[in-house]
Structure formats: structure tokens, C-alpha cells
N, C-alpha and C. Protein backbone atom coordinates (compact mmCIF):
# COMPACT_ATOMS: atom_id res chain seq x y z
N UNK A 1 -9.42 -20.68 9.25
CA UNK A 1 -8.62 -19.58 8.70
C UNK A 1 -7.75 -19.13 10.11
N UNK A 2 -6.64 -19.41 9.55
CA UNK A 2 -5.23 -18.43 11.03
C UNK A 2 -5.32 -17.96 11.32
N UNK A 3 -5.18 -16.90 12.35
CA UNK A 3 -4.82 -15.43 12.17
C UNK A 3 -3.42 -15.03 12.86
N UNK A 4 -3.04 -13.91 12.34
CA UNK A 4 -1.93 -13.36 11.80
C UNK A 4 -1.24 -13.27 12.95
N UNK A 5 -0.53 -13.29 13.94
CA UNK A 5 -0.15 -13.01 14.89
C UNK A 5 1.48 -12.18 14.85
N UNK A 6 1.91 -11.65 15.79
CA UNK A 6 3.53 -10.67 15.88
C UNK A 6 3.99 -11.38 15.22
N UNK A 7 4.90 -12.56 16.09
CA UNK A 7 5.80 -13.63 15.00
C UNK A 7 5.73 -13.55 13.72
N UNK A 8 4.28 -14.20 13.01
CA UNK A 8 4.50 -14.35 11.76
C UNK A 8 4.40 -12.70 11.48
N UNK A 9 3.21 -11.64 11.87
CA UNK A 9 4.07 -10.75 11.09
C UNK A 9 5.20 -10.06 10.92
N UNK A 10 6.47 -9.84 11.79
CA UNK A 10 7.04 -10.07 11.39
C UNK A 10 8.41 -11.12 10.94
N UNK A 11 8.28 -11.72 10.97
CA UNK A 11 8.39 -12.88 9.63
C UNK A 11 8.22 -12.42 8.50
N UNK A 12 6.55 -12.00 8.06
CA UNK A 12 6.59 -11.33 6.74
C UNK A 12 7.51 -10.23 6.86
N UNK A 13 7.74 -9.36 7.50
CA UNK A 13 7.88 -8.00 7.20
C UNK A 13 9.42 -8.10 6.74
N UNK A 14 10.48 -9.10 8.01
CA UNK A 14 11.96 -9.73 7.44
C UNK A 14 12.03 -9.97 6.12
N UNK A 15 10.97 -10.82 5.25
CA UNK A 15 11.21 -11.40 4.00
C UNK A 15 10.53 -10.35 2.77
N UNK A 16 9.89 -9.57 2.93
CA UNK A 16 9.84 -8.16 2.27
C UNK A 16 10.83 -8.09 2.33
N UNK A 17 11.54 -7.58 3.27
CA UNK A 17 12.39 -6.60 3.42
C UNK A 17 14.01 -6.94 2.83
N UNK A 18 13.70 -7.96 2.56
CA UNK A 18 15.25 -9.49 2.01
C UNK A 18 14.51 -9.36 0.68
N UNK A 19 13.51 -9.51 0.16
CA UNK A 19 13.17 -9.31 -1.54
C UNK A 19 13.25 -8.08 -1.65
N UNK A 20 13.10 -7.29 -0.92
CA UNK A 20 12.78 -5.85 -2.11
C UNK A 20 13.87 -4.65 -1.45
N UNK A 21 14.59 -5.09 -0.12
CA UNK A 21 15.69 -3.70 -0.23
C UNK A 21 15.00 -2.53 1.10
N UNK A 22 15.87 -2.45 1.55
CA UNK A 22 15.14 -0.84 2.47
C UNK A 22 14.76 0.30 1.35
N UNK A 23 15.34 0.76 0.04
CA UNK A 23 15.60 2.15 -0.57
C UNK A 23 13.86 1.48 -1.09
N UNK A 24 13.31 0.23 -1.51
CA UNK A 24 12.17 0.15 -2.31
C UNK A 24 10.97 0.03 -1.54
N UNK A 25 11.46 -0.36 -0.17
CA UNK A 25 9.95 -0.42 0.47
C UNK A 25 9.55 0.83 1.08
N UNK A 26 9.99 2.39 0.44
CA UNK A 26 8.99 3.44 0.81
C UNK A 26 8.22 3.99 -0.23
N UNK A 27 8.38 2.83 -2.37
CA UNK A 27 8.76 3.77 -3.16
C UNK A 27 6.88 1.78 -2.95
N UNK A 28 7.06 0.91 -2.74
CA UNK A 28 6.35 -0.01 -2.77
C UNK A 28 4.14 1.14 -1.94
N UNK A 29 4.99 1.18 -0.33
CA UNK A 29 3.76 1.41 0.30
C UNK A 29 3.18 2.72 -0.32
N UNK A 30 3.52 3.81 -1.14
CA UNK A 30 3.21 5.15 -1.33
C UNK A 30 2.77 4.23 -2.58
N UNK A 31 2.55 3.27 -3.51
CA UNK A 31 1.91 3.08 -4.41
C UNK A 31 1.02 2.13 -4.24
N UNK A 32 1.15 1.41 -3.02
CA UNK A 32 -0.15 0.64 -2.43
C UNK A 32 -1.18 1.90 -1.78
N UNK A 33 -1.00 2.45 -1.23
CA UNK A 33 -1.77 3.95 -0.67
C UNK A 33 -2.20 4.77 -1.40
N UNK A 34 -2.13 5.07 -3.03
CA UNK A 34 -1.79 5.15 -3.68
C UNK A 34 -3.23 4.37 -4.47
N UNK A 35 -2.99 2.90 -4.12
CA UNK A 35 -4.37 2.01 -5.10
C UNK A 35 -5.77 2.15 -3.93
N UNK A 36 -5.61 1.60 -3.01
CA UNK A 36 -6.52 1.72 -1.88
C UNK A 36 -7.14 3.19 -2.01
N UNK A 37 -6.87 4.09 -1.95
CA UNK A 37 -7.45 5.65 -1.73
C UNK A 37 -8.17 5.88 -3.43
N UNK A 38 -7.79 5.19 -4.44
CA UNK A 38 -7.97 5.30 -5.50
C UNK A 38 -9.69 3.91 -5.58
N UNK A 39 -8.97 2.92 -4.53
CA UNK A 39 -10.24 2.44 -4.95
C UNK A 39 -11.22 2.47 -3.73
N UNK A 40 -11.08 2.97 -2.91
CA UNK A 40 -11.92 3.46 -1.43
C UNK A 40 -12.92 4.85 -2.46
N UNK A 41 -11.94 4.96 -3.53
CA UNK A 41 -12.47 6.58 -3.50
C UNK A 41 -14.03 5.76 -5.25
N UNK A 42 -12.82 4.82 -5.90
CA UNK A 42 -14.10 3.93 -6.78
C UNK A 42 -15.29 3.77 -6.16
N UNK A 43 -15.27 3.06 -4.72
CA UNK A 43 -16.14 3.28 -4.48
C UNK A 43 -16.98 3.73 -3.68
N UNK A 44 -16.80 4.63 -3.93
CA UNK A 44 -18.02 5.98 -3.50
C UNK A 44 -18.54 6.70 -4.09
N UNK A 45 -17.77 6.34 -5.37
CA UNK A 45 -18.63 7.25 -6.98
C UNK A 45 -18.06 8.37 -7.21
N UNK A 46 -16.48 8.68 -6.50
CA UNK A 46 -15.62 10.05 -6.17
C UNK A 46 -15.53 9.71 -8.11
N UNK A 47 -14.90 11.03 -9.08
CA UNK A 47 -14.52 10.82 -10.16
C UNK A 47 -13.86 12.00 -10.12
N UNK A 48 -13.38 12.71 -8.87
CA UNK A 48 -12.53 14.07 -9.32
C UNK A 48 -11.28 13.64 -8.97
N UNK A 49 -11.02 12.42 -8.88
CA UNK A 49 -9.23 11.75 -8.36
C UNK A 49 -8.11 12.68 -9.70
N UNK A 50 -8.69 11.99 -10.98
CA UNK A 50 -7.98 12.80 -11.89
C UNK A 50 -7.33 14.42 -11.39
N UNK A 51 -8.29 15.64 -11.46
CA UNK A 51 -7.87 17.32 -11.03
C UNK A 51 -7.13 17.06 -9.39
N UNK A 52 -7.23 16.18 -9.02
CA UNK A 52 -6.93 16.31 -7.87
C UNK A 52 -4.84 15.32 -7.64
N UNK A 53 -5.03 14.80 -8.43
CA UNK A 53 -3.81 14.40 -8.88
C UNK A 53 -2.92 15.19 -9.76
N UNK A 54 -3.29 15.68 -10.29
CA UNK A 54 -2.78 16.70 -11.41
C UNK A 54 -2.24 17.90 -10.01
N UNK A 55 -2.90 18.01 -9.82
CA UNK A 55 -2.54 19.03 -8.06
C UNK A 55 -1.49 19.07 -7.42
N UNK A 56 -1.12 17.99 -7.85
CA UNK A 56 0.14 17.26 -6.29
C UNK A 56 0.91 17.06 -7.39
């Protein structure tokens, strides 16, 4: 399996920017962050995420 270097990461970032546009990137990253947080909470067995999300 090959490793990603800086040139490959830049090409991937450029393709994502071209596909989704600059305005959609923050929304995508926010959704990705929520998904990762939900996954981590699920792995740790935390079930209080619903009440925490309602506070925000």
C-alpha cells in the first residue's frame, strides 16, 4: 500500500475544492467532524450525545 505524500495530498485537496467549491467545504468538514465525534462516542459507550446536541 502506498503512502500519501505532500504532492498527493495537495492534488486531492485541489480536486475536492474543484468538485464542491469553496463555500461547501466548511459544511462538509463540520459534518465530518460530527460523524467522527459520534463514532468515538459510540465506541466509548457514551449515550449522552442527544442531550449535548440539543444544548447547541
